[in-house]
Amino acid sequence: MEFIFFIKGALLGFSMAAPVGPVGILCIRKTLQYGRFSGLFSGLGAAVADTLYGLLAAFSLTLLSDFLTEQQYLLRILGGSFLCFLGGKTFFANPKEESESRVSHKTLITDFISTFFLTLSNPLTLLSFIAFFAGLGLVSVSEKYTDAAILITGIFLGSSFWWLMLSEGITFFRKKISEKIMSWINRGAGLIIVAFGLATLISLFHL
């Protein structure tokens, strides 16, 4: 029975991470520019944020979840603004200058933190987890702490597995991409990220 909770959690974590959104675009772009570890750490930031939301949903921490839901207006403003800033920075990034900068522990931590807070700025993820839990018949999982812990572990590993697959897959094509193509990738990624940011800000009018 415990193994079933792990499998359900892993599938849930994987399915939550797989849709290509701003974090996915960032992960792809970071992997192409700086290598697999930069892309992987970007993805892991999102995985930890997803796991945190899954934790809140599984243990029904209503006080904190209600606070995040009530503050979604502010969170979306911060998230949308950050996406617009990040998209603009990506659009104007110089591939040659970036390729000359070495990836360090500091940059990996920055990659992790940026996607962690970016994912955390969307409280709709929490509502998605609650809906998934209900759909999978996991509403009462919080009553059994062992099952809940196994479920949360599965969510983290499932999400992390997706980001590992994505970063490794992109790494395979990395050396085949020229500086000119990378410049166009930066511009395309920048525009897409800005579009996500603007969509987030526009959504404020429908709250």
Protein backbone atom coordinates (compact mmCIF):
# COMPACT_ATOMS: atom_id res chain seq x y z
CA MET A 1 0.00 0.00 0.00
CA GLU A 2 2.83 2.39 0.85
CA PHE A 3 4.44 1.69 -2.52
CA ILE A 4 1.21 2.72 -4.24
CA PHE A 5 1.37 6.11 -2.50
CA PHE A 6 4.94 6.52 -3.71
CA ILE A 7 3.99 5.69 -7.31
CA LYS A 8 1.02 8.06 -7.22
CA GLY A 9 3.21 10.81 -5.78
CA ALA A 10 5.93 10.25 -8.39
CA LEU A 11 3.42 10.34 -11.25
CA LEU A 12 1.82 13.45 -9.78
CA GLY A 13 5.18 15.22 -9.38
CA PHE A 14 6.20 14.26 -12.90
CA SER A 15 2.91 15.40 -14.44
CA MET A 16 3.00 18.73 -12.57
CA ALA A 17 6.54 19.46 -13.79
CA ALA A 18 6.21 18.23 -17.38
CA PRO A 19 4.06 20.99 -18.97
CA VAL A 20 6.40 23.52 -20.58
CA GLY A 21 6.02 26.85 -18.79
CA PRO A 22 8.41 29.66 -17.88
CA VAL A 23 10.48 27.39 -15.63
CA GLY A 24 10.80 24.83 -18.42
CA ILE A 25 11.95 27.51 -20.84
CA LEU A 26 14.48 28.74 -18.26
CA CYS A 27 15.76 25.23 -17.67
CA ILE A 28 16.24 24.63 -21.39
CA ARG A 29 17.96 27.96 -21.90
CA LYS A 30 20.23 27.54 -18.85
CA THR A 31 21.22 24.05 -19.99
CA LEU A 32 22.06 25.25 -23.49
CA GLN A 33 24.08 28.20 -22.23
CA TYR A 34 25.78 26.87 -19.10
CA GLY A 35 25.43 23.09 -19.13
CA ARG A 36 23.43 20.32 -17.49
CA PHE A 37 24.03 21.32 -13.86
CA SER A 38 22.70 24.85 -14.34
CA GLY A 39 19.57 23.51 -15.99
CA LEU A 40 19.16 20.76 -13.41
CA PHE A 41 19.47 23.12 -10.44
CA SER A 42 16.94 25.44 -12.09
CA GLY A 43 14.54 22.52 -12.30
CA LEU A 44 15.24 21.37 -8.75
CA GLY A 45 14.18 24.79 -7.45
CA ALA A 46 10.78 24.23 -9.04
CA ALA A 47 10.69 20.63 -7.75
CA VAL A 48 11.21 21.77 -4.15
CA ALA A 49 8.51 24.45 -4.53
CA ASP A 50 6.10 21.86 -5.97
CA THR A 51 6.94 19.53 -3.08
CA LEU A 52 6.23 22.30 -0.58
CA TYR A 53 2.82 22.92 -2.12
CA GLY A 54 2.19 19.17 -2.13
CA LEU A 55 3.13 19.09 1.55
CA LEU A 56 0.62 21.83 2.34
CA ALA A 57 -2.10 20.02 0.41
CA ALA A 58 -1.33 16.58 1.89
CA PHE A 59 -1.27 17.72 5.50
CA SER A 60 -4.12 20.20 5.01
CA LEU A 61 -2.21 23.10 6.55
CA THR A 62 -5.18 25.40 6.04
CA LEU A 63 -3.76 28.44 7.84
CA LEU A 64 -0.73 28.70 5.55
CA SER A 65 -2.57 27.60 2.42
CA ASP A 66 -5.34 30.14 3.05
CA PHE A 67 -2.71 32.84 3.51
CA LEU A 68 -1.05 31.98 0.19
CA THR A 69 -4.39 31.90 -1.58
CA GLU A 70 -5.42 35.24 -0.08
CA GLN A 71 -2.10 36.79 -1.09
CA GLN A 72 -2.20 35.47 -4.66
CA TYR A 73 -2.74 39.02 -6.00
CA LEU A 74 0.57 40.19 -4.53
CA LEU A 75 2.32 36.94 -5.44
CA ARG A 76 1.20 37.22 -9.06
CA ILE A 77 2.41 40.83 -9.25
CA LEU A 78 5.82 39.77 -7.96
CA GLY A 79 5.94 36.67 -10.15
CA GLY A 80 4.76 38.44 -13.31
CA SER A 81 7.14 41.36 -12.80
CA PHE A 82 10.05 39.01 -12.19
CA LEU A 83 9.22 37.07 -15.36
CA CYS A 84 9.15 40.28 -17.41
CA PHE A 85 12.52 41.32 -15.96
CA LEU A 86 13.98 37.88 -16.52
CA GLY A 87 12.61 37.72 -20.06
CA GLY A 88 14.09 41.10 -20.93
CA LYS A 89 17.44 40.09 -19.47
CA THR A 90 17.38 36.85 -21.45
CA PHE A 91 16.41 38.62 -24.69
CA PHE A 92 19.39 40.97 -24.54
CA ALA A 93 21.87 38.39 -23.21
CA ASN A 94 25.12 38.09 -25.15
CA PRO A 95 25.94 34.40 -25.74
CA LYS A 96 29.65 35.12 -26.14
CA GLU A 97 29.93 36.98 -22.84
CA GLU A 98 27.87 34.34 -21.05
CA SER A 99 29.92 31.46 -22.44
CA GLU A 100 33.04 33.06 -20.98
CA SER A 101 31.55 33.16 -17.46
CA ARG A 102 32.15 30.01 -15.44
CA VAL A 103 29.41 28.22 -13.55
CA SER A 104 30.14 28.14 -9.81
CA HIS A 105 28.36 27.01 -6.68
CA LYS A 106 27.04 30.55 -6.34
CA THR A 107 25.43 30.57 -9.78
CA LEU A 108 23.89 27.13 -9.20
CA ILE A 109 22.36 28.33 -5.94
CA THR A 110 21.06 31.42 -7.75
CA ASP A 111 19.50 29.19 -10.43
CA PHE A 112 17.83 27.13 -7.71
CA ILE A 113 16.52 30.07 -5.68
CA SER A 114 15.16 31.99 -8.69
CA THR A 115 12.99 29.10 -9.94
CA PHE A 116 11.98 28.15 -6.39
CA PHE A 117 10.45 31.56 -5.71
CA LEU A 118 9.13 31.81 -9.26
CA THR A 119 7.19 28.56 -8.80
CA LEU A 120 6.15 29.54 -5.29
CA SER A 121 4.68 32.80 -6.60
CA ASN A 122 1.84 30.85 -8.23
CA PRO A 123 -0.53 29.65 -5.47
CA LEU A 124 -2.71 28.01 -8.13
CA THR A 125 -0.22 25.14 -7.90
CA LEU A 126 -1.54 24.48 -4.40
CA LEU A 127 -5.11 24.32 -5.69
CA SER A 128 -3.96 21.96 -8.46
CA PHE A 129 -2.46 19.59 -5.89
CA ILE A 130 -5.65 19.66 -3.83
CA ALA A 131 -7.67 18.84 -6.96
CA PHE A 132 -5.27 16.03 -7.91
CA PHE A 133 -5.39 14.58 -4.40
CA ALA A 134 -9.17 14.53 -4.51
CA GLY A 135 -9.16 12.95 -7.96
CA LEU A 136 -6.73 10.24 -6.87
CA GLY A 137 -8.66 9.50 -3.70
CA LEU A 138 -5.94 10.90 -1.46
CA VAL A 139 -8.08 13.32 0.51
CA SER A 140 -7.57 11.50 3.82
CA VAL A 141 -3.86 10.87 3.36
CA SER A 142 -3.03 13.55 5.94
CA GLU A 143 -4.50 11.28 8.62
CA LYS A 144 -1.61 8.85 8.09
CA TYR A 145 1.70 10.66 8.40
CA THR A 146 3.73 7.77 7.00
CA ASP A 147 1.63 7.57 3.84
CA ALA A 148 1.74 11.35 3.47
CA ALA A 149 5.53 11.40 3.83
CA ILE A 150 5.89 8.66 1.20
CA LEU A 151 3.55 10.57 -1.10
CA ILE A 152 5.53 13.80 -0.72
CA THR A 153 8.80 11.94 -1.34
CA GLY A 154 7.31 10.54 -4.53
CA ILE A 155 6.25 14.02 -5.66
CA PHE A 156 9.76 15.37 -5.20
CA LEU A 157 11.47 12.46 -6.94
CA GLY A 158 8.94 12.43 -9.79
CA SER A 159 9.38 16.16 -10.40
CA SER A 160 13.17 15.92 -10.08
CA PHE A 161 13.24 13.02 -12.56
CA TRP A 162 11.52 15.19 -15.17
CA TRP A 163 14.07 18.00 -14.74
CA LEU A 164 16.92 15.49 -14.91
CA MET A 165 15.52 14.05 -18.15
CA LEU A 166 15.06 17.53 -19.63
CA SER A 167 18.53 18.81 -18.75
CA GLU A 168 20.22 15.63 -19.95
CA GLY A 169 18.22 15.62 -23.17
CA ILE A 170 19.06 19.25 -23.96
CA THR A 171 22.72 18.64 -23.08
CA PHE A 172 22.88 16.12 -25.93
CA PHE A 173 22.20 18.91 -28.46
CA ARG A 174 24.17 21.61 -26.66
CA LYS A 175 27.49 21.28 -28.54
CA LYS A 176 25.71 21.31 -31.89
CA ILE A 177 24.34 24.82 -31.37
CA SER A 178 26.36 27.72 -32.69
CA GLU A 179 26.71 31.14 -31.06
CA LYS A 180 24.40 32.69 -33.65
CA ILE A 181 21.69 30.11 -33.02
CA MET A 182 22.12 30.60 -29.27
CA SER A 183 21.53 34.31 -29.78
CA TRP A 184 18.21 33.57 -31.49
CA ILE A 185 17.33 31.09 -28.75
CA ASN A 186 17.93 33.81 -26.17
CA ARG A 187 15.63 36.17 -28.02
CA GLY A 188 12.93 33.57 -28.46
CA ALA A 189 13.16 32.42 -24.84
CA GLY A 190 13.13 36.04 -23.67
CA LEU A 191 9.96 36.82 -25.61
CA ILE A 192 8.23 33.68 -24.34
CA ILE A 193 9.16 34.42 -20.72
CA VAL A 194 7.96 38.03 -21.06
CA ALA A 195 4.71 36.69 -22.55
CA PHE A 196 4.23 34.46 -19.51
CA GLY A 197 4.93 37.45 -17.27
CA LEU A 198 2.43 39.66 -19.06
CA ALA A 199 -0.18 36.87 -18.98
CA THR A 200 0.34 36.59 -15.22
CA LEU A 201 -0.13 40.35 -14.75
CA ILE A 202 -3.16 40.47 -17.05
CA SER A 203 -4.74 37.63 -15.09
CA LEU A 204 -4.89 40.00 -12.10
CA PHE A 205 -7.86 41.73 -13.71
CA HIS A 206 -9.85 38.49 -13.55
CA LEU A 207 -9.33 37.80 -9.83
